């Protein structure tokens, strides 16, 4: 397992093309596809144009910008697409360790993962799925981190990008002082039909391969997954 010190992501990993990467991954894919050599970097340290390239201009990501869990329902309608994008940019520019990761295939950004303290996601504490399954019900505990969203553009799906991001998210959270990382996975084997957009939480099998353990099934098609960081340097 690749690990990084608590002294921060900024002091780790190789500088390649002006970006500091926290993990390099060779993906495991089906025989008819070539594996990718991915690098994963903190989104706060890459050009925001790379984040925009992943989110695109159409579909759910371009209308959410990973803000759904961060804005109370009563306030959601106040923000248009541009306002949501600006909020994400401000969050990535804020001081601290950052709010997400970007995966690269060479110089091409190919995926996003949101990973941050659960306290930064006010809607999570209202979720019946999370409340019904978490092993850490103190929603004011900033040592509990959450992996809440993945975005992988259509042309880069099916090649292990989200799994690589999930693995890197654990290292990223550990460096930020997390003692546990939660995820709220979808099990597509249970649902009759699941659209690609509905999988933004990540899947049970993907998190399992990334080292997460299922701890609860608040719904047949939803699982609470977690990694306990017993050796966290917090």
C-alpha atoms as a PDB file:
ATOM      1  CA  UNK A   1       0.000   0.000   0.000  1.00  0.00           C
ATOM      2  CA  UNK A   2       1.336   3.404  -0.957  1.00  0.00           C
ATOM      3  CA  UNK A   3       1.260   5.805   1.982  1.00  0.00           C
ATOM      4  CA  UNK A   4       2.013   9.456   2.473  1.00  0.00           C
ATOM      5  CA  UNK A   5       3.054  11.324   5.563  1.00  0.00           C
ATOM      6  CA  UNK A   6       0.798  13.616   7.458  1.00  0.00           C
ATOM      7  CA  UNK A   7       3.007  16.549   6.607  1.00  0.00           C
ATOM      8  CA  UNK A   8       1.060  16.863   3.713  1.00  0.00           C
ATOM      9  CA  UNK A   9       0.402  15.985   0.256  1.00  0.00           C
ATOM     10  CA  UNK A  10       2.427  19.000  -0.867  1.00  0.00           C
ATOM     11  CA  UNK A  11       5.624  17.366   0.351  1.00  0.00           C
ATOM     12  CA  UNK A  12       5.050  14.019  -1.339  1.00  0.00           C
ATOM     13  CA  UNK A  13       5.557  12.152  -4.560  1.00  0.00           C
ATOM     14  CA  UNK A  14       7.252  12.957  -7.785  1.00  0.00           C
ATOM     15  CA  UNK A  15       6.843  16.213  -9.634  1.00  0.00           C
ATOM     16  CA  UNK A  16       5.846  15.282 -13.194  1.00  0.00           C
ATOM     17  CA  UNK A  17       5.003  17.971 -15.699  1.00  0.00           C
ATOM     18  CA  UNK A  18       4.597  20.537 -12.924  1.00  0.00           C
ATOM     19  CA  UNK A  19       2.146  18.389 -10.919  1.00  0.00           C
ATOM     20  CA  UNK A  20       2.844  16.516  -7.692  1.00  0.00           C
ATOM     21  CA  UNK A  21       1.251  13.100  -7.727  1.00  0.00           C
ATOM     22  CA  UNK A  22       0.358  11.157  -4.596  1.00  0.00           C
ATOM     23  CA  UNK A  23      -0.080   7.788  -6.280  1.00  0.00           C
ATOM     24  CA  UNK A  24       0.796   6.031  -9.512  1.00  0.00           C
ATOM     25  CA  UNK A  25      -1.477   3.109 -10.443  1.00  0.00           C
ATOM     26  CA  UNK A  26      -1.484   0.599 -13.266  1.00  0.00           C
ATOM     27  CA  UNK A  27      -5.130  -0.327 -13.643  1.00  0.00           C
ATOM     28  CA  UNK A  28      -6.486  -3.865 -13.788  1.00  0.00           C
ATOM     29  CA  UNK A  29      -8.950  -4.188 -16.677  1.00  0.00           C
ATOM     30  CA  UNK A  30     -10.467  -6.786 -18.974  1.00  0.00           C
ATOM     31  CA  UNK A  31      -8.309  -8.525 -21.557  1.00  0.00           C
ATOM     32  CA  UNK A  32      -9.688  -6.541 -24.489  1.00  0.00           C
ATOM     33  CA  UNK A  33      -8.447  -3.229 -23.080  1.00  0.00           C
ATOM     34  CA  UNK A  34      -4.955  -1.989 -22.412  1.00  0.00           C
ATOM     35  CA  UNK A  35      -4.334  -1.138 -18.739  1.00  0.00           C
ATOM     36  CA  UNK A  36      -3.794   2.512 -17.934  1.00  0.00           C
ATOM     37  CA  UNK A  37      -0.861   3.956 -16.051  1.00  0.00           C
ATOM     38  CA  UNK A  38      -2.703   6.532 -13.987  1.00  0.00           C
ATOM     39  CA  UNK A  39      -1.362   9.233 -11.733  1.00  0.00           C
ATOM     40  CA  UNK A  40      -3.525  10.797  -9.043  1.00  0.00           C
ATOM     41  CA  UNK A  41      -3.021  14.333  -7.756  1.00  0.00           C
ATOM     42  CA  UNK A  42      -4.782  16.583  -5.228  1.00  0.00           C
ATOM     43  CA  UNK A  43      -7.311  18.664  -7.141  1.00  0.00           C
ATOM     44  CA  UNK A  44      -6.229  21.734  -5.189  1.00  0.00           C
ATOM     45  CA  UNK A  45      -2.792  21.512  -6.840  1.00  0.00           C
ATOM     46  CA  UNK A  46      -3.814  21.193 -10.483  1.00  0.00           C
ATOM     47  CA  UNK A  47      -5.204  23.805 -12.897  1.00  0.00           C
ATOM     48  CA  UNK A  48      -8.934  24.216 -12.413  1.00  0.00           C
ATOM     49  CA  UNK A  49      -9.292  23.808 -16.179  1.00  0.00           C
ATOM     50  CA  UNK A  50      -8.376  20.141 -15.621  1.00  0.00           C
ATOM     51  CA  UNK A  51     -11.235  19.813 -13.126  1.00  0.00           C
ATOM     52  CA  UNK A  52     -13.563  21.480 -15.639  1.00  0.00           C
ATOM     53  CA  UNK A  53     -12.429  19.054 -18.337  1.00  0.00           C
ATOM     54  CA  UNK A  54     -13.498  16.098 -16.187  1.00  0.00           C
ATOM     55  CA  UNK A  55     -16.872  17.572 -15.192  1.00  0.00           C
ATOM     56  CA  UNK A  56     -17.645  18.656 -18.754  1.00  0.00           C
ATOM     57  CA  UNK A  57     -20.529  20.819 -19.894  1.00  0.00           C
ATOM     58  CA  UNK A  58     -23.408  18.316 -20.011  1.00  0.00           C
ATOM     59  CA  UNK A  59     -24.902  15.683 -17.761  1.00  0.00           C
ATOM     60  CA  UNK A  60     -25.263  15.556 -13.991  1.00  0.00           C
ATOM     61  CA  UNK A  61     -21.653  16.514 -13.122  1.00  0.00           C
ATOM     62  CA  UNK A  62     -21.942  19.828 -14.971  1.00  0.00           C
ATOM     63  CA  UNK A  63     -25.143  20.629 -13.076  1.00  0.00           C
ATOM     64  CA  UNK A  64     -23.867  19.660  -9.631  1.00  0.00           C
ATOM     65  CA  UNK A  65     -20.113  20.264  -9.418  1.00  0.00           C
ATOM     66  CA  UNK A  66     -19.987  18.013  -6.360  1.00  0.00           C
ATOM     67  CA  UNK A  67     -22.055  20.425  -4.271  1.00  0.00           C
ATOM     68  CA  UNK A  68     -25.151  18.291  -3.580  1.00  0.00           C
ATOM     69  CA  UNK A  69     -23.981  17.154  -0.162  1.00  0.00           C
ATOM     70  CA  UNK A  70     -22.685  20.606   0.747  1.00  0.00           C
ATOM     71  CA  UNK A  71     -25.753  22.802   0.217  1.00  0.00           C
ATOM     72  CA  UNK A  72     -28.943  22.453   2.277  1.00  0.00           C
ATOM     73  CA  UNK A  73     -31.984  21.637   0.188  1.00  0.00           C
ATOM     74  CA  UNK A  74     -33.624  24.975   0.902  1.00  0.00           C
ATOM     75  CA  UNK A  75     -30.634  26.803  -0.634  1.00  0.00           C
ATOM     76  CA  UNK A  76     -29.969  24.545  -3.623  1.00  0.00           C
ATOM     77  CA  UNK A  77     -32.158  26.425  -6.082  1.00  0.00           C
ATOM     78  CA  UNK A  78     -30.281  29.668  -5.447  1.00  0.00           C
ATOM     79  CA  UNK A  79     -27.277  28.411  -7.395  1.00  0.00           C
ATOM     80  CA  UNK A  80     -27.072  27.940 -11.125  1.00  0.00           C
ATOM     81  CA  UNK A  81     -24.447  25.832 -12.859  1.00  0.00           C
ATOM     82  CA  UNK A  82     -21.927  28.679 -12.867  1.00  0.00           C
ATOM     83  CA  UNK A  83     -22.472  29.347  -9.186  1.00  0.00           C
ATOM     84  CA  UNK A  84     -21.939  25.691  -8.313  1.00  0.00           C
ATOM     85  CA  UNK A  85     -18.756  25.568 -10.376  1.00  0.00           C
ATOM     86  CA  UNK A  86     -17.492  28.714  -8.659  1.00  0.00           C
ATOM     87  CA  UNK A  87     -18.180  27.172  -5.253  1.00  0.00           C
ATOM     88  CA  UNK A  88     -16.087  24.121  -6.095  1.00  0.00           C
ATOM     89  CA  UNK A  89     -13.264  26.319  -7.345  1.00  0.00           C
ATOM     90  CA  UNK A  90     -13.360  28.345  -4.130  1.00  0.00           C
ATOM     91  CA  UNK A  91     -13.300  25.156  -2.047  1.00  0.00           C
ATOM     92  CA  UNK A  92     -10.270  23.852  -3.923  1.00  0.00           C
ATOM     93  CA  UNK A  93      -8.508  27.200  -3.534  1.00  0.00           C
ATOM     94  CA  UNK A  94      -9.167  27.378   0.215  1.00  0.00           C
ATOM     95  CA  UNK A  95      -6.352  26.708   2.650  1.00  0.00           C
ATOM     96  CA  UNK A  96      -5.914  23.171   3.895  1.00  0.00           C
ATOM     97  CA  UNK A  97      -5.426  19.811   2.295  1.00  0.00           C
ATOM     98  CA  UNK A  98      -8.101  20.123  -0.373  1.00  0.00           C
ATOM     99  CA  UNK A  99     -11.408  18.506  -1.221  1.00  0.00           C
ATOM    100  CA  UNK A 100     -10.734  15.995  -3.947  1.00  0.00           C
ATOM    101  CA  UNK A 101      -8.453  14.178  -6.347  1.00  0.00           C
ATOM    102  CA  UNK A 102      -7.882  14.189 -10.097  1.00  0.00           C
ATOM    103  CA  UNK A 103      -6.619  11.160 -12.055  1.00  0.00           C
ATOM    104  CA  UNK A 104      -4.435  11.577 -15.131  1.00  0.00           C
ATOM    105  CA  UNK A 105      -3.673   9.305 -18.048  1.00  0.00           C
ATOM    106  CA  UNK A 106      -0.481  10.960 -19.187  1.00  0.00           C
ATOM    107  CA  UNK A 107      -1.360  14.650 -19.298  1.00  0.00           C
ATOM    108  CA  UNK A 108      -5.089  14.024 -19.788  1.00  0.00           C
ATOM    109  CA  UNK A 109      -7.381  14.415 -16.757  1.00  0.00           C
ATOM    110  CA  UNK A 110      -9.655  11.358 -16.709  1.00  0.00           C
ATOM    111  CA  UNK A 111     -11.453  11.308 -13.360  1.00  0.00           C
ATOM    112  CA  UNK A 112     -12.479  13.080 -10.160  1.00  0.00           C
ATOM    113  CA  UNK A 113     -13.082  11.800  -6.646  1.00  0.00           C
ATOM    114  CA  UNK A 114     -14.480  13.855  -3.759  1.00  0.00           C
ATOM    115  CA  UNK A 115     -12.856  12.956  -0.437  1.00  0.00           C
ATOM    116  CA  UNK A 116     -12.945  15.197   2.610  1.00  0.00           C
ATOM    117  CA  UNK A 117     -13.998  15.350   6.264  1.00  0.00           C
ATOM    118  CA  UNK A 118     -17.610  14.236   6.629  1.00  0.00           C
ATOM    119  CA  UNK A 119     -18.266  17.398   8.656  1.00  0.00           C
ATOM    120  CA  UNK A 120     -17.983  19.347   5.381  1.00  0.00           C
ATOM    121  CA  UNK A 121     -21.032  17.538   3.974  1.00  0.00           C
ATOM    122  CA  UNK A 122     -24.097  18.794   5.864  1.00  0.00           C
ATOM    123  CA  UNK A 123     -26.554  16.735   3.811  1.00  0.00           C
ATOM    124  CA  UNK A 124     -24.834  13.486   4.769  1.00  0.00           C
ATOM    125  CA  UNK A 125     -25.992  13.833   8.360  1.00  0.00           C
ATOM    126  CA  UNK A 126     -29.570  14.015   7.036  1.00  0.00           C
ATOM    127  CA  UNK A 127     -29.276  10.936   4.843  1.00  0.00           C
ATOM    128  CA  UNK A 128     -31.317   7.984   6.064  1.00  0.00           C
ATOM    129  CA  UNK A 129     -28.888   5.659   4.295  1.00  0.00           C
ATOM    130  CA  UNK A 130     -25.900   7.042   6.176  1.00  0.00           C
ATOM    131  CA  UNK A 131     -27.675   7.426   9.517  1.00  0.00           C
ATOM    132  CA  UNK A 132     -29.013   3.902   9.206  1.00  0.00           C
ATOM    133  CA  UNK A 133     -25.641   2.310   8.548  1.00  0.00           C
ATOM    134  CA  UNK A 134     -22.658   4.309   9.750  1.00  0.00           C
ATOM    135  CA  UNK A 135     -20.523   2.883  12.521  1.00  0.00           C
ATOM    136  CA  UNK A 136     -19.551   6.452  13.451  1.00  0.00           C
ATOM    137  CA  UNK A 137     -22.747   8.364  14.279  1.00  0.00           C
ATOM    138  CA  UNK A 138     -20.999  11.463  15.663  1.00  0.00           C
ATOM    139  CA  UNK A 139     -21.411  13.734  12.655  1.00  0.00           C
ATOM    140  CA  UNK A 140     -19.289  16.423  14.305  1.00  0.00           C
ATOM    141  CA  UNK A 141     -16.211  14.182  14.314  1.00  0.00           C
ATOM    142  CA  UNK A 142     -13.830  15.626  11.710  1.00  0.00           C
ATOM    143  CA  UNK A 143     -11.630  12.503  11.849  1.00  0.00           C
ATOM    144  CA  UNK A 144     -14.314  10.647   9.881  1.00  0.00           C
ATOM    145  CA  UNK A 145     -13.815  11.319   6.182  1.00  0.00           C
ATOM    146  CA  UNK A 146     -16.175  10.470   3.317  1.00  0.00           C
ATOM    147  CA  UNK A 147     -15.695   9.508  -0.303  1.00  0.00           C
ATOM    148  CA  UNK A 148     -18.898  10.927  -1.733  1.00  0.00           C
ATOM    149  CA  UNK A 149     -18.608  11.274  -5.499  1.00  0.00           C
ATOM    150  CA  UNK A 150     -16.822  10.049  -8.624  1.00  0.00           C
ATOM    151  CA  UNK A 151     -16.840  11.587 -12.081  1.00  0.00           C
ATOM    152  CA  UNK A 152     -15.283   9.699 -14.985  1.00  0.00           C
ATOM    153  CA  UNK A 153     -15.988  10.985 -18.501  1.00  0.00           C
ATOM    154  CA  UNK A 154     -17.623   8.458 -20.812  1.00  0.00           C
ATOM    155  CA  UNK A 155     -14.521   7.895 -22.971  1.00  0.00           C
ATOM    156  CA  UNK A 156     -12.506   6.788 -19.939  1.00  0.00           C
ATOM    157  CA  UNK A 157     -14.979   4.462 -18.203  1.00  0.00           C
ATOM    158  CA  UNK A 158     -14.476   0.759 -17.717  1.00  0.00           C
ATOM    159  CA  UNK A 159     -10.713   1.001 -17.240  1.00  0.00           C
ATOM    160  CA  UNK A 160     -10.307   1.180 -13.489  1.00  0.00           C
ATOM    161  CA  UNK A 161     -10.158   4.962 -13.082  1.00  0.00           C
ATOM    162  CA  UNK A 162     -12.652   5.153 -10.203  1.00  0.00           C
ATOM    163  CA  UNK A 163     -11.015   2.240  -8.403  1.00  0.00           C
ATOM    164  CA  UNK A 164      -7.610   3.939  -8.636  1.00  0.00           C
ATOM    165  CA  UNK A 165      -9.137   7.110  -7.224  1.00  0.00           C
ATOM    166  CA  UNK A 166     -10.770   5.178  -4.355  1.00  0.00           C
ATOM    167  CA  UNK A 167      -7.407   3.659  -3.425  1.00  0.00           C
ATOM    168  CA  UNK A 168      -5.702   7.060  -3.537  1.00  0.00           C
ATOM    169  CA  UNK A 169      -8.524   8.594  -1.475  1.00  0.00           C
ATOM    170  CA  UNK A 170      -7.522   6.436   1.488  1.00  0.00           C
ATOM    171  CA  UNK A 171      -3.934   7.713   1.370  1.00  0.00           C
ATOM    172  CA  UNK A 172      -5.176  11.266   0.944  1.00  0.00           C
ATOM    173  CA  UNK A 173      -7.515  11.003   3.934  1.00  0.00           C
ATOM    174  CA  UNK A 174      -4.813   9.423   6.078  1.00  0.00           C
ATOM    175  CA  UNK A 175      -2.498  12.334   5.295  1.00  0.00           C
ATOM    176  CA  UNK A 176      -5.261  14.720   6.337  1.00  0.00           C
ATOM    177  CA  UNK A 177      -5.649  13.109   9.744  1.00  0.00           C
ATOM    178  CA  UNK A 178      -8.578  10.772   9.136  1.00  0.00           C
ATOM    179  CA  UNK A 179      -9.043   7.745  11.375  1.00  0.00           C
ATOM    180  CA  UNK A 180     -11.755   6.239   9.195  1.00  0.00           C
ATOM    181  CA  UNK A 181     -12.907   6.717   5.601  1.00  0.00           C
ATOM    182  CA  UNK A 182     -16.547   6.029   4.737  1.00  0.00           C
ATOM    183  CA  UNK A 183     -18.206   5.458   1.367  1.00  0.00           C
ATOM    184  CA  UNK A 184     -21.860   5.052   0.426  1.00  0.00           C
ATOM    185  CA  UNK A 185     -21.771   2.475  -2.338  1.00  0.00           C
ATOM    186  CA  UNK A 186     -24.352   1.316  -4.866  1.00  0.00           C
ATOM    187  CA  UNK A 187     -24.758  -2.406  -5.585  1.00  0.00           C
ATOM    188  CA  UNK A 188     -25.783  -2.651  -9.253  1.00  0.00           C
ATOM    189  CA  UNK A 189     -26.283  -6.407  -8.889  1.00  0.00           C
ATOM    190  CA  UNK A 190     -29.360  -5.699  -6.766  1.00  0.00           C
ATOM    191  CA  UNK A 191     -30.984  -3.033  -8.918  1.00  0.00           C
ATOM    192  CA  UNK A 192     -32.800  -4.128 -12.058  1.00  0.00           C
ATOM    193  CA  UNK A 193     -31.291  -1.279 -14.044  1.00  0.00           C
ATOM    194  CA  UNK A 194     -28.705   1.319 -13.081  1.00  0.00           C
ATOM    195  CA  UNK A 195     -27.658   4.247 -15.256  1.00  0.00           C
ATOM    196  CA  UNK A 196     -24.018   5.291 -15.346  1.00  0.00           C
ATOM    197  CA  UNK A 197     -24.921   8.620 -13.727  1.00  0.00           C
ATOM    198  CA  UNK A 198     -26.529   6.802 -10.771  1.00  0.00           C
ATOM    199  CA  UNK A 199     -23.177   5.220  -9.947  1.00  0.00           C
ATOM    200  CA  UNK A 200     -21.531   8.450  -8.873  1.00  0.00           C
ATOM    201  CA  UNK A 201     -21.329   7.103  -5.302  1.00  0.00           C
ATOM    202  CA  UNK A 202     -19.113   4.225  -6.479  1.00  0.00           C
ATOM    203  CA  UNK A 203     -19.974   0.516  -6.453  1.00  0.00           C
ATOM    204  CA  UNK A 204     -19.625  -2.127  -3.772  1.00  0.00           C
ATOM    205  CA  UNK A 205     -17.239  -4.236  -5.870  1.00  0.00           C
ATOM    206  CA  UNK A 206     -15.044  -1.248  -6.695  1.00  0.00           C
ATOM    207  CA  UNK A 207     -14.665  -0.243  -3.050  1.00  0.00           C
ATOM    208  CA  UNK A 208     -14.038  -3.853  -2.043  1.00  0.00           C
ATOM    209  CA  UNK A 209     -11.167  -4.097  -4.515  1.00  0.00           C
ATOM    210  CA  UNK A 210      -9.847  -0.790  -3.151  1.00  0.00           C
ATOM    211  CA  UNK A 211      -9.630  -2.235   0.373  1.00  0.00           C
ATOM    212  CA  UNK A 212     -12.944  -1.076   1.885  1.00  0.00           C
ATOM    213  CA  UNK A 213     -15.099  -3.359   4.035  1.00  0.00           C
ATOM    214  CA  UNK A 214     -18.884  -3.470   3.925  1.00  0.00           C
ATOM    215  CA  UNK A 215     -20.268  -2.765   7.398  1.00  0.00           C
ATOM    216  CA  UNK A 216     -23.991  -2.235   6.775  1.00  0.00           C
ATOM    217  CA  UNK A 217     -26.821  -2.519   4.227  1.00  0.00           C
ATOM    218  CA  UNK A 218     -29.329   0.187   5.101  1.00  0.00           C
ATOM    219  CA  UNK A 219     -31.040  -0.698   1.800  1.00  0.00           C
ATOM    220  CA  UNK A 220     -30.637  -3.828  -0.316  1.00  0.00           C
ATOM    221  CA  UNK A 221     -28.947  -1.853  -3.092  1.00  0.00           C
ATOM    222  CA  UNK A 222     -26.884   0.495  -0.889  1.00  0.00           C
ATOM    223  CA  UNK A 223     -23.964  -0.349   1.381  1.00  0.00           C
ATOM    224  CA  UNK A 224     -21.896   1.565   3.887  1.00  0.00           C
ATOM    225  CA  UNK A 225     -18.240   0.788   3.209  1.00  0.00           C
ATOM    226  CA  UNK A 226     -15.292   1.874   5.309  1.00  0.00           C
ATOM    227  CA  UNK A 227     -11.558   1.677   5.907  1.00  0.00           C
ATOM    228  CA  UNK A 228     -10.318   1.983   9.477  1.00  0.00           C
ATOM    229  CA  UNK A 229      -6.968   3.775   9.590  1.00  0.00           C
ATOM    230  CA  UNK A 230      -5.740   2.302  12.846  1.00  0.00           C
ATOM    231  CA  UNK A 231      -2.226   3.563  12.157  1.00  0.00           C
ATOM    232  CA  UNK A 232      -3.381   7.049  11.261  1.00  0.00           C
ATOM    233  CA  UNK A 233      -0.856   9.758  12.080  1.00  0.00           C
ATOM    234  CA  UNK A 234      -3.515  12.100  13.364  1.00  0.00           C
END
